[in-house]
Amino acid sequence: MKSSEYVKDLQTKSVEELKEDLTSAKKELFNLRFQNATSQLTNTAEITKVRKNIARIQTAINAKAE
């Protein structure tokens, strides 16, 4: 999914759904970092993608809070 499509998808979700997505993204980031530390992660670019998705989710939450 392209980032613009992902952002549009985030804009249609409620704050509760966004918070659930944020929690799952943070868990995924933790797992990726753990795999990277134990040399099991083959594609390290996934860490960057997940970090950017977390930022996008947080931005969507802040936009809805205003």
N, C-alpha and C. Protein backbone atom coordinates (compact mmCIF):
# COMPACT_ATOMS: atom_id res chain seq x y z
N MET A 1 0.84 -1.17 0.00
CA MET A 1 0.00 0.00 0.00
C MET A 1 0.89 1.24 0.00
N LYS A 2 0.59 2.18 -0.87
CA LYS A 2 1.36 3.41 -0.93
C LYS A 2 1.06 4.26 0.28
N SER A 3 1.98 5.15 0.59
CA SER A 3 1.81 5.97 1.79
C SER A 3 0.60 6.89 1.68
N SER A 4 0.31 7.41 0.49
CA SER A 4 -0.86 8.29 0.36
C SER A 4 -2.15 7.52 0.60
N GLU A 5 -2.21 6.28 0.14
CA GLU A 5 -3.38 5.44 0.40
C GLU A 5 -3.49 5.11 1.88
N TYR A 6 -2.34 4.88 2.52
CA TYR A 6 -2.32 4.57 3.94
C TYR A 6 -2.82 5.76 4.76
N VAL A 7 -2.41 6.96 4.38
CA VAL A 7 -2.83 8.16 5.09
C VAL A 7 -4.34 8.37 4.92
N LYS A 8 -4.86 8.15 3.72
CA LYS A 8 -6.30 8.29 3.50
C LYS A 8 -7.06 7.28 4.34
N ASP A 9 -6.52 6.07 4.46
CA ASP A 9 -7.14 5.04 5.28
C ASP A 9 -7.15 5.47 6.75
N LEU A 10 -6.06 6.07 7.20
CA LEU A 10 -5.98 6.52 8.59
C LEU A 10 -6.98 7.63 8.87
N GLN A 11 -7.20 8.50 7.90
CA GLN A 11 -8.12 9.62 8.10
C GLN A 11 -9.56 9.17 8.26
N THR A 12 -9.90 8.00 7.76
CA THR A 12 -11.27 7.51 7.87
C THR A 12 -11.52 6.76 9.18
N LYS A 13 -10.47 6.45 9.91
CA LYS A 13 -10.62 5.67 11.14
C LYS A 13 -10.91 6.58 12.33
N SER A 14 -11.51 5.98 13.36
CA SER A 14 -11.78 6.72 14.59
C SER A 14 -10.51 6.76 15.45
N VAL A 15 -10.56 7.58 16.49
CA VAL A 15 -9.39 7.73 17.37
C VAL A 15 -9.09 6.40 18.07
N GLU A 16 -10.12 5.66 18.46
CA GLU A 16 -9.91 4.39 19.13
C GLU A 16 -9.22 3.38 18.21
N GLU A 17 -9.66 3.34 16.96
CA GLU A 17 -9.03 2.44 15.98
C GLU A 17 -7.58 2.85 15.73
N LEU A 18 -7.33 4.16 15.68
CA LEU A 18 -5.97 4.64 15.48
C LEU A 18 -5.07 4.26 16.65
N LYS A 19 -5.60 4.34 17.85
CA LYS A 19 -4.80 3.97 19.03
C LYS A 19 -4.48 2.47 19.02
N GLU A 20 -5.44 1.66 18.55
CA GLU A 20 -5.18 0.22 18.43
C GLU A 20 -4.10 -0.03 17.38
N ASP A 21 -4.18 0.69 16.26
CA ASP A 21 -3.15 0.56 15.22
C ASP A 21 -1.79 0.98 15.74
N LEU A 22 -1.78 2.05 16.54
CA LEU A 22 -0.52 2.54 17.10
C LEU A 22 0.10 1.50 18.02
N THR A 23 -0.71 0.87 18.84
CA THR A 23 -0.22 -0.16 19.75
C THR A 23 0.36 -1.34 18.98
N SER A 24 -0.34 -1.77 17.95
CA SER A 24 0.16 -2.91 17.17
C SER A 24 1.43 -2.54 16.40
N ALA A 25 1.51 -1.31 15.91
CA ALA A 25 2.71 -0.88 15.19
C ALA A 25 3.91 -0.81 16.13
N LYS A 26 3.69 -0.37 17.36
CA LYS A 26 4.79 -0.32 18.33
C LYS A 26 5.26 -1.71 18.70
N LYS A 27 4.32 -2.65 18.80
CA LYS A 27 4.71 -4.03 19.08
C LYS A 27 5.51 -4.61 17.92
N GLU A 28 5.08 -4.28 16.70
CA GLU A 28 5.80 -4.75 15.52
C GLU A 28 7.21 -4.17 15.48
N LEU A 29 7.35 -2.90 15.83
CA LEU A 29 8.66 -2.26 15.86
C LEU A 29 9.55 -2.94 16.90
N PHE A 30 9.00 -3.25 18.06
CA PHE A 30 9.76 -3.94 19.08
C PHE A 30 10.26 -5.28 18.58
N ASN A 31 9.37 -6.03 17.93
CA ASN A 31 9.76 -7.35 17.41
C ASN A 31 10.84 -7.22 16.33
N LEU A 32 10.72 -6.22 15.47
CA LEU A 32 11.73 -6.02 14.43
C LEU A 32 13.08 -5.66 15.04
N ARG A 33 13.06 -4.80 16.05
CA ARG A 33 14.32 -4.43 16.71
C ARG A 33 14.94 -5.64 17.40
N PHE A 34 14.11 -6.47 18.00
CA PHE A 34 14.61 -7.67 18.65
C PHE A 34 15.23 -8.62 17.63
N GLN A 35 14.55 -8.80 16.49
CA GLN A 35 15.10 -9.65 15.43
C GLN A 35 16.40 -9.08 14.90
N ASN A 36 16.48 -7.77 14.79
CA ASN A 36 17.71 -7.13 14.30
C ASN A 36 18.86 -7.35 15.28
N ALA A 37 18.56 -7.27 16.57
CA ALA A 37 19.61 -7.45 17.58
C ALA A 37 20.13 -8.88 17.60
N THR A 38 19.27 -9.83 17.26
CA THR A 38 19.69 -11.23 17.27
C THR A 38 20.10 -11.71 15.87
N SER A 39 20.26 -10.78 14.95
CA SER A 39 20.70 -11.06 13.57
C SER A 39 19.75 -11.99 12.82
N GLN A 40 18.45 -11.90 13.10
CA GLN A 40 17.47 -12.71 12.39
C GLN A 40 16.72 -11.90 11.33
N LEU A 41 16.87 -10.59 11.36
CA LEU A 41 16.14 -9.72 10.44
C LEU A 41 16.93 -9.61 9.14
N THR A 42 16.27 -9.94 8.03
CA THR A 42 16.95 -9.89 6.73
C THR A 42 16.75 -8.55 6.04
N ASN A 43 15.58 -7.94 6.21
CA ASN A 43 15.29 -6.67 5.55
C ASN A 43 15.19 -5.58 6.61
N THR A 44 16.28 -4.87 6.83
CA THR A 44 16.30 -3.85 7.89
C THR A 44 15.51 -2.60 7.51
N ALA A 45 15.11 -2.47 6.27
CA ALA A 45 14.30 -1.32 5.85
C ALA A 45 12.91 -1.37 6.46
N GLU A 46 12.49 -2.54 6.92
CA GLU A 46 11.18 -2.66 7.56
C GLU A 46 11.10 -1.81 8.81
N ILE A 47 12.21 -1.67 9.53
CA ILE A 47 12.22 -0.85 10.75
C ILE A 47 11.86 0.59 10.41
N THR A 48 12.45 1.12 9.35
CA THR A 48 12.17 2.49 8.93
C THR A 48 10.72 2.65 8.51
N LYS A 49 10.19 1.68 7.78
CA LYS A 49 8.80 1.75 7.34
C LYS A 49 7.84 1.79 8.53
N VAL A 50 8.09 0.95 9.51
CA VAL A 50 7.22 0.90 10.68
C VAL A 50 7.33 2.19 11.49
N ARG A 51 8.53 2.73 11.62
CA ARG A 51 8.71 4.00 12.34
C ARG A 51 7.94 5.12 11.66
N LYS A 52 7.98 5.16 10.34
CA LYS A 52 7.24 6.20 9.62
C LYS A 52 5.74 6.00 9.75
N ASN A 53 5.29 4.75 9.75
CA ASN A 53 3.87 4.48 9.94
C ASN A 53 3.41 4.91 11.33
N ILE A 54 4.25 4.70 12.33
CA ILE A 54 3.92 5.15 13.69
C ILE A 54 3.75 6.67 13.70
N ALA A 55 4.65 7.37 13.04
CA ALA A 55 4.55 8.83 12.97
C ALA A 55 3.28 9.26 12.24
N ARG A 56 2.92 8.56 11.19
CA ARG A 56 1.70 8.88 10.45
C ARG A 56 0.46 8.68 11.33
N ILE A 57 0.45 7.60 12.10
CA ILE A 57 -0.68 7.32 12.98
C ILE A 57 -0.78 8.39 14.05
N GLN A 58 0.35 8.77 14.65
CA GLN A 58 0.34 9.79 15.68
C GLN A 58 -0.12 11.14 15.12
N THR A 59 0.27 11.44 13.90
CA THR A 59 -0.18 12.68 13.26
C THR A 59 -1.68 12.66 13.05
N ALA A 60 -2.23 11.53 12.63
CA ALA A 60 -3.67 11.41 12.43
C ALA A 60 -4.41 11.55 13.76
N ILE A 61 -3.88 10.99 14.82
CA ILE A 61 -4.51 11.12 16.14
C ILE A 61 -4.52 12.57 16.57
N ASN A 62 -3.39 13.26 16.39
CA ASN A 62 -3.31 14.67 16.78
C ASN A 62 -4.25 15.53 15.95
N ALA A 63 -4.40 15.23 14.68
CA ALA A 63 -5.28 16.00 13.82
C ALA A 63 -6.74 15.84 14.26
N LYS A 64 -7.11 14.64 14.70
CA LYS A 64 -8.49 14.41 15.13
C LYS A 64 -8.73 15.00 16.51
N ALA A 65 -7.70 15.18 17.30
CA ALA A 65 -7.85 15.71 18.65
C ALA A 65 -8.11 17.22 18.63
N GLU A 66 -7.75 17.88 17.56
CA GLU A 66 -7.94 19.34 17.48
C GLU A 66 -9.35 19.72 17.18
